[in-house]
PDB file of N, CA and C in Angstrom:
ATOM      1  N   MET A   1    -149.645 -64.386-248.482  1.00  0.00           N
ATOM      2  CA  MET A   1    -149.476 -65.825-248.399  1.00  0.00           C
ATOM      3  C   MET A   1    -150.517 -66.355-247.407  1.00  0.00           C
ATOM      4  N   ASN A   2    -151.173 -67.401-247.830  1.00  0.00           N
ATOM      5  CA  ASN A   2    -152.161 -67.998-246.940  1.00  0.00           C
ATOM      6  C   ASN A   2    -151.680 -69.370-246.473  1.00  0.00           C
ATOM      7  N   ILE A   3    -152.472 -70.006-245.640  1.00  0.00           N
ATOM      8  CA  ILE A   3    -152.075 -71.281-245.030  1.00  0.00           C
ATOM      9  C   ILE A   3    -151.954 -72.377-246.079  1.00  0.00           C
ATOM     10  N   LYS A   4    -152.807 -72.346-247.071  1.00  0.00           N
ATOM     11  CA  LYS A   4    -152.774 -73.376-248.113  1.00  0.00           C
ATOM     12  C   LYS A   4    -151.436 -73.331-248.861  1.00  0.00           C
ATOM     13  N   GLU A   5    -150.959 -72.133-249.191  1.00  0.00           N
ATOM     14  CA  GLU A   5    -149.672 -72.001-249.884  1.00  0.00           C
ATOM     15  C   GLU A   5    -148.520 -72.463-248.985  1.00  0.00           C
ATOM     16  N   PHE A   6    -148.621 -72.166-247.703  1.00  0.00           N
ATOM     17  CA  PHE A   6    -147.580 -72.579-246.753  1.00  0.00           C
ATOM     18  C   PHE A   6    -147.524 -74.099-246.639  1.00  0.00           C
ATOM     19  N   ILE A   7    -148.683 -74.733-246.546  1.00  0.00           N
ATOM     20  CA  ILE A   7    -148.735 -76.193-246.405  1.00  0.00           C
ATOM     21  C   ILE A   7    -148.242 -76.883-247.669  1.00  0.00           C
ATOM     22  N   HIS A   8    -148.583 -76.372-248.828  1.00  0.00           N
ATOM     23  CA  HIS A   8    -148.161 -76.990-250.088  1.00  0.00           C
ATOM     24  C   HIS A   8    -146.696 -76.722-250.413  1.00  0.00           C
ATOM     25  N   GLY A   9    -146.069 -75.813-249.720  1.00  0.00           N
ATOM     26  CA  GLY A   9    -144.655 -75.555-249.944  1.00  0.00           C
ATOM     27  C   GLY A   9    -144.386 -74.470-250.955  1.00  0.00           C
ATOM     28  N   ASP A  10    -145.405 -73.710-251.330  1.00  0.00           N
ATOM     29  CA  ASP A  10    -145.204 -72.616-252.283  1.00  0.00           C
ATOM     30  C   ASP A  10    -144.281 -71.547-251.712  1.00  0.00           C
ATOM     31  N   MET A  11    -144.197 -71.485-250.384  1.00  0.00           N
ATOM     32  CA  MET A  11    -143.331 -70.505-249.738  1.00  0.00           C
ATOM     33  C   MET A  11    -141.864 -70.761-250.103  1.00  0.00           C
ATOM     34  N   LEU A  12    -141.501 -72.028-250.271  1.00  0.00           N
ATOM     35  CA  LEU A  12    -140.116 -72.367-250.586  1.00  0.00           C
ATOM     36  C   LEU A  12    -139.717 -71.928-251.991  1.00  0.00           C
ATOM     37  N   LEU A  13    -140.689 -71.698-252.841  1.00  0.00           N
ATOM     38  CA  LEU A  13    -140.397 -71.287-254.213  1.00  0.00           C
ATOM     39  C   LEU A  13    -140.511 -69.775-254.414  1.00  0.00           C
ATOM     40  N   SER A  14    -140.789 -69.033-253.362  1.00  0.00           N
ATOM     41  CA  SER A  14    -140.962 -67.583-253.490  1.00  0.00           C
ATOM     42  C   SER A  14    -139.622 -66.908-253.789  1.00  0.00           C
ATOM     43  N   ASN A  15    -139.683 -65.690-254.325  1.00  0.00           N
ATOM     44  CA  ASN A  15    -138.474 -64.935-254.670  1.00  0.00           C
ATOM     45  C   ASN A  15    -137.667 -64.585-253.423  1.00  0.00           C
ATOM     46  N   TRP A  16    -138.346 -64.242-252.323  1.00  0.00           N
ATOM     47  CA  TRP A  16    -137.636 -63.899-251.088  1.00  0.00           C
ATOM     48  C   TRP A  16    -136.795 -65.077-250.618  1.00  0.00           C
ATOM     49  N   MET A  17    -137.359 -66.272-250.685  1.00  0.00           N
ATOM     50  CA  MET A  17    -136.635 -67.469-250.247  1.00  0.00           C
ATOM     51  C   MET A  17    -135.449 -67.738-251.170  1.00  0.00           C
ATOM     52  N   LYS A  18    -135.643 -67.575-252.465  1.00  0.00           N
ATOM     53  CA  LYS A  18    -134.550 -67.795-253.418  1.00  0.00           C
ATOM     54  C   LYS A  18    -133.419 -66.785-253.199  1.00  0.00           C
ATOM     55  N   ASN A  19    -133.745 -65.555-252.882  1.00  0.00           N
ATOM     56  CA  ASN A  19    -132.730 -64.518-252.688  1.00  0.00           C
ATOM     57  C   ASN A  19    -131.960 -64.694-251.378  1.00  0.00           C
ATOM     58  N   ASN A  20    -132.578 -65.272-250.379  1.00  0.00           N
ATOM     59  CA  ASN A  20    -131.964 -65.352-249.053  1.00  0.00           C
ATOM     60  C   ASN A  20    -131.608 -66.777-248.626  1.00  0.00           C
ATOM     61  N   ILE A  21    -131.537 -67.697-249.561  1.00  0.00           N
ATOM     62  CA  ILE A  21    -131.265 -69.098-249.210  1.00  0.00           C
ATOM     63  C   ILE A  21    -129.895 -69.264-248.556  1.00  0.00           C
ATOM     64  N   MET A  22    -128.896 -68.527-249.007  1.00  0.00           N
ATOM     65  CA  MET A  22    -127.555 -68.637-248.416  1.00  0.00           C
ATOM     66  C   MET A  22    -127.547 -68.126-246.976  1.00  0.00           C
ATOM     67  N   LEU A  23    -128.250 -67.046-246.726  1.00  0.00           N
ATOM     68  CA  LEU A  23    -128.340 -66.512-245.371  1.00  0.00           C
ATOM     69  C   LEU A  23    -129.055 -67.505-244.450  1.00  0.00           C
ATOM     70  N   ILE A  24    -130.108 -68.107-244.944  1.00  0.00           N
ATOM     71  CA  ILE A  24    -130.852 -69.088-244.147  1.00  0.00           C
ATOM     72  C   ILE A  24    -129.978 -70.301-243.852  1.00  0.00           C
ATOM     73  N   LEU A  25    -129.229 -70.766-244.839  1.00  0.00           N
ATOM     74  CA  LEU A  25    -128.326 -71.902-244.619  1.00  0.00           C
ATOM     75  C   LEU A  25    -127.221 -71.545-243.629  1.00  0.00           C
ATOM     76  N   LEU A  26    -126.688 -70.333-243.734  1.00  0.00           N
ATOM     77  CA  LEU A  26    -125.655 -69.887-242.801  1.00  0.00           C
ATOM     78  C   LEU A  26    -126.187 -69.858-241.367  1.00  0.00           C
ATOM     79  N   VAL A  27    -127.383 -69.332-241.197  1.00  0.00           N
ATOM     80  CA  VAL A  27    -127.989 -69.287-239.862  1.00  0.00           C
ATOM     81  C   VAL A  27    -128.215 -70.705-239.341  1.00  0.00           C
ATOM     82  N   ALA A  28    -128.655 -71.616-240.206  1.00  0.00           N
ATOM     83  CA  ALA A  28    -128.883 -73.004-239.785  1.00  0.00           C
ATOM     84  C   ALA A  28    -127.574 -73.670-239.364  1.00  0.00           C
ATOM     85  N   VAL A  29    -126.505 -73.454-240.133  1.00  0.00           N
ATOM     86  CA  VAL A  29    -125.205 -74.043-239.794  1.00  0.00           C
ATOM     87  C   VAL A  29    -124.683 -73.461-238.480  1.00  0.00           C
ATOM     88  N   LEU A  30    -124.789 -72.152-238.305  1.00  0.00           N
ATOM     89  CA  LEU A  30    -124.349 -71.526-237.056  1.00  0.00           C
ATOM     90  C   LEU A  30    -125.158 -72.032-235.866  1.00  0.00           C
ATOM     91  N   LEU A  31    -126.436 -72.249-236.071  1.00  0.00           N
ATOM     92  CA  LEU A  31    -127.284 -72.776-235.006  1.00  0.00           C
ATOM     93  C   LEU A  31    -126.858 -74.191-234.620  1.00  0.00           C
ATOM     94  N   ILE A  32    -126.524 -75.003-235.602  1.00  0.00           N
ATOM     95  CA  ILE A  32    -126.052 -76.369-235.327  1.00  0.00           C
ATOM     96  C   ILE A  32    -124.732 -76.323-234.562  1.00  0.00           C
ATOM     97  N   PHE A  33    -123.807 -75.458-234.983  1.00  0.00           N
ATOM     98  CA  PHE A  33    -122.537 -75.321-234.258  1.00  0.00           C
ATOM     99  C   PHE A  33    -122.765 -74.855-232.823  1.00  0.00           C
ATOM    100  N   TYR A  34    -123.673 -73.916-232.644  1.00  0.00           N
ATOM    101  CA  TYR A  34    -123.969 -73.405-231.307  1.00  0.00           C
ATOM    102  C   TYR A  34    -124.511 -74.517-230.407  1.00  0.00           C
ATOM    103  N   ILE A  35    -125.431 -75.308-230.927  1.00  0.00           N
ATOM    104  CA  ILE A  35    -126.027 -76.387-230.130  1.00  0.00           C
ATOM    105  C   ILE A  35    -124.989 -77.443-229.780  1.00  0.00           C
ATOM    106  N   THR A  36    -124.165 -77.854-230.739  1.00  0.00           N
ATOM    107  CA  THR A  36    -123.157 -78.882-230.450  1.00  0.00           C
ATOM    108  C   THR A  36    -122.100 -78.360-229.481  1.00  0.00           C
ATOM    109  N   ASN A  37    -121.719 -77.104-229.624  1.00  0.00           N
ATOM    110  CA  ASN A  37    -120.743 -76.516-228.707  1.00  0.00           C
ATOM    111  C   ASN A  37    -121.309 -76.459-227.296  1.00  0.00           C
ATOM    112  N   ARG A  38    -122.538 -76.064-227.173  1.00  0.00           N
ATOM    113  CA  ARG A  38    -123.194 -75.976-225.862  1.00  0.00           C
ATOM    114  C   ARG A  38    -123.268 -77.359-225.208  1.00  0.00           C
ATOM    115  N   TYR A  39    -123.612 -78.366-226.002  1.00  0.00           N
ATOM    116  CA  TYR A  39    -123.704 -79.732-225.479  1.00  0.00           C
ATOM    117  C   TYR A  39    -122.337 -80.229-225.012  1.00  0.00           C
ATOM    118  N   SER A  40    -121.311 -79.991-225.811  1.00  0.00           N
ATOM    119  CA  SER A  40    -119.976 -80.467-225.425  1.00  0.00           C
ATOM    120  C   SER A  40    -119.478 -79.751-224.171  1.00  0.00           C
ATOM    121  N   ILE A  41    -119.824 -78.490-224.011  1.00  0.00           N
ATOM    122  CA  ILE A  41    -119.440 -77.759-222.799  1.00  0.00           C
ATOM    123  C   ILE A  41    -120.149 -78.344-221.583  1.00  0.00           C
ATOM    124  N   GLU A  42    -121.423 -78.679-221.710  1.00  0.00           N
ATOM    125  CA  GLU A  42    -122.157 -79.279-220.591  1.00  0.00           C
ATOM    126  C   GLU A  42    -121.551 -80.618-220.193  1.00  0.00           C
ATOM    127  N   VAL A  43    -121.175 -81.418-221.183  1.00  0.00           N
ATOM    128  CA  VAL A  43    -120.544 -82.711-220.893  1.00  0.00           C
ATOM    129  C   VAL A  43    -119.216 -82.491-220.173  1.00  0.00           C
ATOM    130  N   SER A  44    -118.436 -81.515-220.634  1.00  0.00           N
ATOM    131  CA  SER A  44    -117.145 -81.224-219.999  1.00  0.00           C
ATOM    132  C   SER A  44    -117.327 -80.750-218.561  1.00  0.00           C
ATOM    133  N   VAL A  45    -118.315 -79.917-218.322  1.00  0.00           N
ATOM    134  CA  VAL A  45    -118.569 -79.422-216.964  1.00  0.00           C
ATOM    135  C   VAL A  45    -118.962 -80.577-216.044  1.00  0.00           C
ATOM    136  N   LYS A  46    -119.776 -81.496-216.539  1.00  0.00           N
ATOM    137  CA  LYS A  46    -120.162 -82.658-215.730  1.00  0.00           C
ATOM    138  C   LYS A  46    -118.946 -83.511-215.393  1.00  0.00           C
ATOM    139  N   LYS A  47    -118.060 -83.706-216.371  1.00  0.00           N
ATOM    140  CA  LYS A  47    -116.842 -84.484-216.114  1.00  0.00           C
ATOM    141  C   LYS A  47    -115.954 -83.782-215.087  1.00  0.00           C
ATOM    142  N   ILE A  48    -115.831 -82.473-215.200  1.00  0.00           N
ATOM    143  CA  ILE A  48    -115.008 -81.709-214.258  1.00  0.00           C
ATOM    144  C   ILE A  48    -115.581 -81.813-212.850  1.00  0.00           C
ATOM    145  N   ASP A  49    -116.901 -81.693-212.718  1.00  0.00           N
ATOM    146  CA  ASP A  49    -117.531 -81.821-211.396  1.00  0.00           C
ATOM    147  C   ASP A  49    -117.292 -83.202-210.806  1.00  0.00           C
ATOM    148  N   LYS A  50    -117.428 -84.222-211.637  1.00  0.00           N
ATOM    149  CA  LYS A  50    -117.211 -85.593-211.165  1.00  0.00           C
ATOM    150  C   LYS A  50    -115.763 -85.777-210.715  1.00  0.00           C
ATOM    151  N   CYS A  51    -114.831 -85.266-211.501  1.00  0.00           N
ATOM    152  CA  CYS A  51    -113.411 -85.391-211.147  1.00  0.00           C
ATOM    153  C   CYS A  51    -113.084 -84.614-209.876  1.00  0.00           C
ATOM    154  N   SER A  52    -113.670 -83.435-209.709  1.00  0.00           N
ATOM    155  CA  SER A  52    -113.381 -82.659-208.500  1.00  0.00           C
ATOM    156  C   SER A  52    -113.930 -83.356-207.260  1.00  0.00           C
ATOM    157  N   LYS A  53    -115.079 -84.007-207.371  1.00  0.00           N
ATOM    158  CA  LYS A  53    -115.611 -84.775-206.240  1.00  0.00           C
ATOM    159  C   LYS A  53    -114.694 -85.944-205.911  1.00  0.00           C
ATOM    160  N   GLU A  54    -114.215 -86.634-206.948  1.00  0.00           N
ATOM    161  CA  GLU A  54    -113.294 -87.752-206.726  1.00  0.00           C
ATOM    162  C   GLU A  54    -111.998 -87.267-206.075  1.00  0.00           C
ATOM    163  N   ILE A  55    -111.510 -86.116-206.508  1.00  0.00           N
ATOM    164  CA  ILE A  55    -110.276 -85.566-205.935  1.00  0.00           C
ATOM    165  C   ILE A  55    -110.473 -85.262-204.458  1.00  0.00           C
ATOM    166  N   LYS A  56    -111.612 -84.671-204.097  1.00  0.00           N
ATOM    167  CA  LYS A  56    -111.877 -84.372-202.686  1.00  0.00           C
ATOM    168  C   LYS A  56    -111.926 -85.653-201.860  1.00  0.00           C
ATOM    169  N   GLU A  57    -112.603 -86.679-202.387  1.00  0.00           N
ATOM    170  CA  GLU A  57    -112.683 -87.949-201.661  1.00  0.00           C
ATOM    171  C   GLU A  57    -111.296 -88.570-201.498  1.00  0.00           C
ATOM    172  N   LEU A  58    -110.502 -88.534-202.549  1.00  0.00           N
ATOM    173  CA  LEU A  58    -109.160 -89.111-202.482  1.00  0.00           C
ATOM    174  C   LEU A  58    -108.258 -88.319-201.538  1.00  0.00           C
ATOM    175  N   GLN A  59    -108.420 -87.007-201.495  1.00  0.00           N
ATOM    176  CA  GLN A  59    -107.634 -86.198-200.559  1.00  0.00           C
ATOM    177  C   GLN A  59    -107.997 -86.539-199.122  1.00  0.00           C
ATOM    178  N   GLN A  60    -109.285 -86.713-198.854  1.00  0.00           N
ATOM    179  CA  GLN A  60    -109.706 -87.090-197.506  1.00  0.00           C
ATOM    180  C   GLN A  60    -109.158 -88.463-197.136  1.00  0.00           C
ATOM    181  N   HIS A  61    -109.224 -89.392-198.068  1.00  0.00           N
ATOM    182  CA  HIS A  61    -108.702 -90.738-197.827  1.00  0.00           C
ATOM    183  C   HIS A  61    -107.193 -90.688-197.593  1.00  0.00           C
ATOM    184  N   SER A  62    -106.501 -89.890-198.386  1.00  0.00           N
ATOM    185  CA  SER A  62    -105.052 -89.756-198.240  1.00  0.00           C
ATOM    186  C   SER A  62    -104.692 -89.169-196.878  1.00  0.00           C
ATOM    187  N   THR A  63    -105.426 -88.157-196.453  1.00  0.00           N
ATOM    188  CA  THR A  63    -105.175 -87.547-195.146  1.00  0.00           C
ATOM    189  C   THR A  63    -105.403 -88.559-194.032  1.00  0.00           C
ATOM    190  N   LYS A  64    -106.449 -89.346-194.158  1.00  0.00           N
ATOM    191  CA  LYS A  64    -106.757 -90.368-193.152  1.00  0.00           C
ATOM    192  C   LYS A  64    -105.637 -91.405-193.073  1.00  0.00           C
ATOM    193  N   ILE A  65    -105.170 -91.872-194.219  1.00  0.00           N
ATOM    194  CA  ILE A  65    -104.089 -92.868-194.248  1.00  0.00           C
ATOM    195  C   ILE A  65    -102.798 -92.266-193.706  1.00  0.00           C
ATOM    196  N   LYS A  66    -102.529 -91.015-194.055  1.00  0.00           N
ATOM    197  CA  LYS A  66    -101.314 -90.353-193.567  1.00  0.00           C
ATOM    198  C   LYS A  66    -101.339 -90.237-192.044  1.00  0.00           C
ATOM    199  N   THR A  67    -102.487 -89.888-191.493  1.00  0.00           N
ATOM    200  CA  THR A  67    -102.621 -89.790-190.035  1.00  0.00           C
ATOM    201  C   THR A  67    -102.402 -91.143-189.378  1.00  0.00           C
ATOM    202  N   MET A  68    -102.992 -92.183-189.955  1.00  0.00           N
ATOM    203  CA  MET A  68    -102.811 -93.531-189.405  1.00  0.00           C
ATOM    204  C   MET A  68    -101.343 -93.945-189.457  1.00  0.00           C
ATOM    205  N   TYR A  69    -100.662 -93.627-190.540  1.00  0.00           N
ATOM    206  CA  TYR A  69     -99.248 -93.966-190.686  1.00  0.00           C
ATOM    207  C   TYR A  69     -98.405 -93.227-189.650  1.00  0.00           C
ATOM    208  N   GLN A  70     -98.699 -91.941-189.456  1.00  0.00           N
ATOM    209  CA  GLN A  70     -97.938 -91.163-188.471  1.00  0.00           C
ATOM    210  C   GLN A  70     -98.133 -91.718-187.068  1.00  0.00           C
ATOM    211  N   LYS A  71     -99.356 -92.101-186.731  1.00  0.00           N
ATOM    212  CA  LYS A  71     -99.606 -92.665-185.405  1.00  0.00           C
ATOM    213  C   LYS A  71     -98.870 -93.986-185.230  1.00  0.00           C
ATOM    214  N   SER A  72     -98.915 -94.833-186.256  1.00  0.00           N
ATOM    215  CA  SER A  72     -98.241 -96.129-186.134  1.00  0.00           C
ATOM    216  C   SER A  72     -96.725 -95.958-186.088  1.00  0.00           C
ATOM    217  N   SER A  73     -96.184 -95.013-186.844  1.00  0.00           N
ATOM    218  CA  SER A  73     -94.734 -94.805-186.801  1.00  0.00           C
ATOM    219  C   SER A  73     -94.315 -94.219-185.455  1.00  0.00           C
ATOM    220  N   MET A  74     -95.157 -93.363-184.856  1.00  0.00           N
ATOM    221  CA  MET A  74     -94.852 -92.838-183.523  1.00  0.00           C
ATOM    222  C   MET A  74     -94.852 -93.968-182.498  1.00  0.00           C
ATOM    223  N   MET A  75     -95.799 -94.891-182.629  1.00  0.00           N
ATOM    224  CA  MET A  75     -95.860 -96.022-181.703  1.00  0.00           C
ATOM    225  C   MET A  75     -94.621 -96.903-181.853  1.00  0.00           C
ATOM    226  N   LEU A  76     -94.165 -97.123-183.088  1.00  0.00           N
ATOM    227  CA  LEU A  76     -92.971 -97.944-183.305  1.00  0.00           C
ATOM    228  C   LEU A  76     -91.727 -97.277-182.721  1.00  0.00           C
ATOM    229  N   VAL A  77     -91.596 -95.976-182.919  1.00  0.00           N
ATOM    230  CA  VAL A  77     -90.444 -95.250-182.371  1.00  0.00           C
ATOM    231  C   VAL A  77     -90.474 -95.308-180.851  1.00  0.00           C
ATOM    232  N   LEU A  78     -91.642 -95.101-180.269  1.00  0.00           N
ATOM    233  CA  LEU A  78     -91.783 -95.158-178.818  1.00  0.00           C
ATOM    234  C   LEU A  78     -91.474 -96.556-178.298  1.00  0.00           C
ATOM    235  N   ASP A  79     -91.936 -97.571-179.008  1.00  0.00           N
ATOM    236  CA  ASP A  79     -91.673 -98.958-178.604  1.00  0.00           C
ATOM    237  C   ASP A  79     -90.172 -99.264-178.650  1.00  0.00           C
ATOM    238  N   LYS A  80     -89.489 -98.787-179.675  1.00  0.00           N
ATOM    239  CA  LYS A  80     -88.043 -99.025-179.784  1.00  0.00           C
ATOM    240  C   LYS A  80     -87.268 -98.314-178.678  1.00  0.00           C
ATOM    241  N   LYS A  81     -87.704 -97.105-178.314  1.00  0.00           N
ATOM    242  CA  LYS A  81     -87.000 -96.359-177.271  1.00  0.00           C
ATOM    243  C   LYS A  81     -87.243 -96.949-175.885  1.00  0.00           C
ATOM    244  N   LEU A  82     -88.427 -97.511-175.670  1.00  0.00           N
ATOM    245  CA  LEU A  82     -88.750 -98.055-174.351  1.00  0.00           C
ATOM    246  C   LEU A  82     -88.379 -99.530-174.195  1.00  0.00           C
ATOM    247  N   ALA A  83     -88.026-100.202-175.270  1.00  0.00           N
ATOM    248  CA  ALA A  83     -87.682-101.629-175.212  1.00  0.00           C
ATOM    249  C   ALA A  83     -86.475-101.908-174.312  1.00  0.00           C
ATOM    250  N   PRO A  84     -85.416-101.097-174.319  1.00  0.00           N
ATOM    251  CA  PRO A  84     -84.266-101.398-173.461  1.00  0.00           C
ATOM    252  C   PRO A  84     -84.589-101.405-171.963  1.00  0.00           C
ATOM    253  N   ILE A  85     -85.586-100.654-171.548  1.00  0.00           N
ATOM    254  CA  ILE A  85     -85.903-100.644-170.111  1.00  0.00           C
ATOM    255  C   ILE A  85     -87.038-101.614-169.765  1.00  0.00           C
ATOM    256  N   GLY A  86     -87.480-102.392-170.738  1.00  0.00           N
ATOM    257  CA  GLY A  86     -88.469-103.428-170.473  1.00  0.00           C
ATOM    258  C   GLY A  86     -89.914-102.986-170.588  1.00  0.00           C
ATOM    259  N   VAL A  87     -90.156-101.817-171.122  1.00  0.00           N
ATOM    260  CA  VAL A  87     -91.533-101.346-171.298  1.00  0.00           C
ATOM    261  C   VAL A  87     -91.906-101.546-172.762  1.00  0.00           C
ATOM    262  N   GLY A  88     -93.082-102.109-172.982  1.00  0.00           N
ATOM    263  CA  GLY A  88     -93.507-102.345-174.358  1.00  0.00           C
ATOM    264  C   GLY A  88     -94.998-102.107-174.514  1.00  0.00           C
ATOM    265  N   ILE A  89     -95.455-102.272-175.703  1.00  0.00           N
ATOM    266  CA  ILE A  89     -96.870-102.101-175.997  1.00  0.00           C
ATOM    267  C   ILE A  89     -97.595-103.367-175.566  1.00  0.00           C
ATOM    268  N   SER A  90     -98.674-103.193-174.841  1.00  0.00           N
ATOM    269  CA  SER A  90     -99.443-104.317-174.326  1.00  0.00           C
ATOM    270  C   SER A  90    -100.219-104.983-175.456  1.00  0.00           C
ATOM    271  N   LYS A  91    -100.269-106.290-175.414  1.00  0.00           N
ATOM    272  CA  LYS A  91    -101.023-107.043-176.411  1.00  0.00           C
ATOM    273  C   LYS A  91    -102.474-107.232-175.966  1.00  0.00           C
ATOM    274  N   GLU A  92    -102.742-107.000-174.689  1.00  0.00           N
ATOM    275  CA  GLU A  92    -104.086-107.155-174.148  1.00  0.00           C
ATOM    276  C   GLU A  92    -104.832-105.831-174.259  1.00  0.00           C
ATOM    277  N   PRO A  93    -106.151-105.900-174.334  1.00  0.00           N
ATOM    278  CA  PRO A  93    -106.908-104.650-174.384  1.00  0.00           C
ATOM    279  C   PRO A  93    -106.835-103.897-173.063  1.00  0.00           C
ATOM    280  N   ILE A  94    -107.103-102.633-173.117  1.00  0.00           N
ATOM    281  CA  ILE A  94    -107.034-101.777-171.939  1.00  0.00           C
ATOM    282  C   ILE A  94    -108.162-102.156-170.980  1.00  0.00           C
ATOM    283  N   LYS A  95    -107.821-102.247-169.698  1.00  0.00           N
ATOM    284  CA  LYS A  95    -108.818-102.561-168.680  1.00  0.00           C
ATOM    285  C   LYS A  95    -109.190-101.272-167.971  1.00  0.00           C
ATOM    286  N   GLU A  96    -110.465-101.126-167.717  1.00  0.00           N
ATOM    287  CA  GLU A  96    -110.963 -99.918-167.079  1.00  0.00           C
ATOM    288  C   GLU A  96    -110.985-100.122-165.569  1.00  0.00           C
ATOM    289  N   VAL A  97    -110.459 -99.153-164.846  1.00  0.00           N
ATOM    290  CA  VAL A  97    -110.431 -99.210-163.384  1.00  0.00           C
ATOM    291  C   VAL A  97    -111.562 -98.338-162.857  1.00  0.00           C
ATOM    292  N   ILE A  98    -112.431 -98.939-162.066  1.00  0.00           N
ATOM    293  CA  ILE A  98    -113.560 -98.204-161.505  1.00  0.00           C
ATOM    294  C   ILE A  98    -113.317 -98.029-160.015  1.00  0.00           C
ATOM    295  N   VAL A  99    -113.342 -96.801-159.543  1.00  0.00           N
ATOM    296  CA  VAL A  99    -113.123 -96.494-158.130  1.00  0.00           C
ATOM    297  C   VAL A  99    -114.473 -96.190-157.495  1.00  0.00           C
ATOM    298  N   ILE A 100    -114.796 -96.951-156.448  1.00  0.00           N
ATOM    299  CA  ILE A 100    -116.052 -96.737-155.737  1.00  0.00           C
ATOM    300  C   ILE A 100    -115.719 -96.097-154.395  1.00  0.00           C
ATOM    301  N   GLU A 101    -116.280 -94.952-154.122  1.00  0.00           N
ATOM    302  CA  GLU A 101    -116.022 -94.245-152.872  1.00  0.00           C
ATOM    303  C   GLU A 101    -117.116 -94.582-151.867  1.00  0.00           C
ATOM    304  N   ASN A 102    -116.699 -94.911-150.650  1.00  0.00           N
ATOM    305  CA  ASN A 102    -117.647 -95.171-149.569  1.00  0.00           C
ATOM    306  C   ASN A 102    -117.717 -93.935-148.693  1.00  0.00           C
ATOM    307  N   ASN A 103    -118.890 -93.462-148.443  1.00  0.00           N
ATOM    308  CA  ASN A 103    -119.086 -92.268-147.617  1.00  0.00           C
ATOM    309  C   ASN A 103    -119.458 -92.654-146.178  1.00  0.00           C
ATOM    310  N   GLU A 104    -118.734 -93.503-145.548  1.00  0.00           N
ATOM    311  CA  GLU A 104    -119.037 -93.952-144.185  1.00  0.00           C
ATOM    312  C   GLU A 104    -118.297 -93.170-143.154  1.00  0.00           C
TER     313      GLU A 104
END
């Protein structure tokens, strides 16, 4: 077989091609299934990675909110226990006390 026969399509009419057309079609169909399966797996892996990142972010956010809630509930319990003796949570910001030592 030369290039001229290949370009004109004479190869498609050869006896070998006629005898093996079913095998060639089977290989083509299997190749298409393989490619589509591979693509769908890649898409699924990307979705799983995205979901796992979102889950990690949400877990961190949940932990942060839980910690804030525990601190605020501790402050409320402490405020309720100290209210009868007149001690409460200050509404003013904390003032810093600076001590200056004189070496005289």
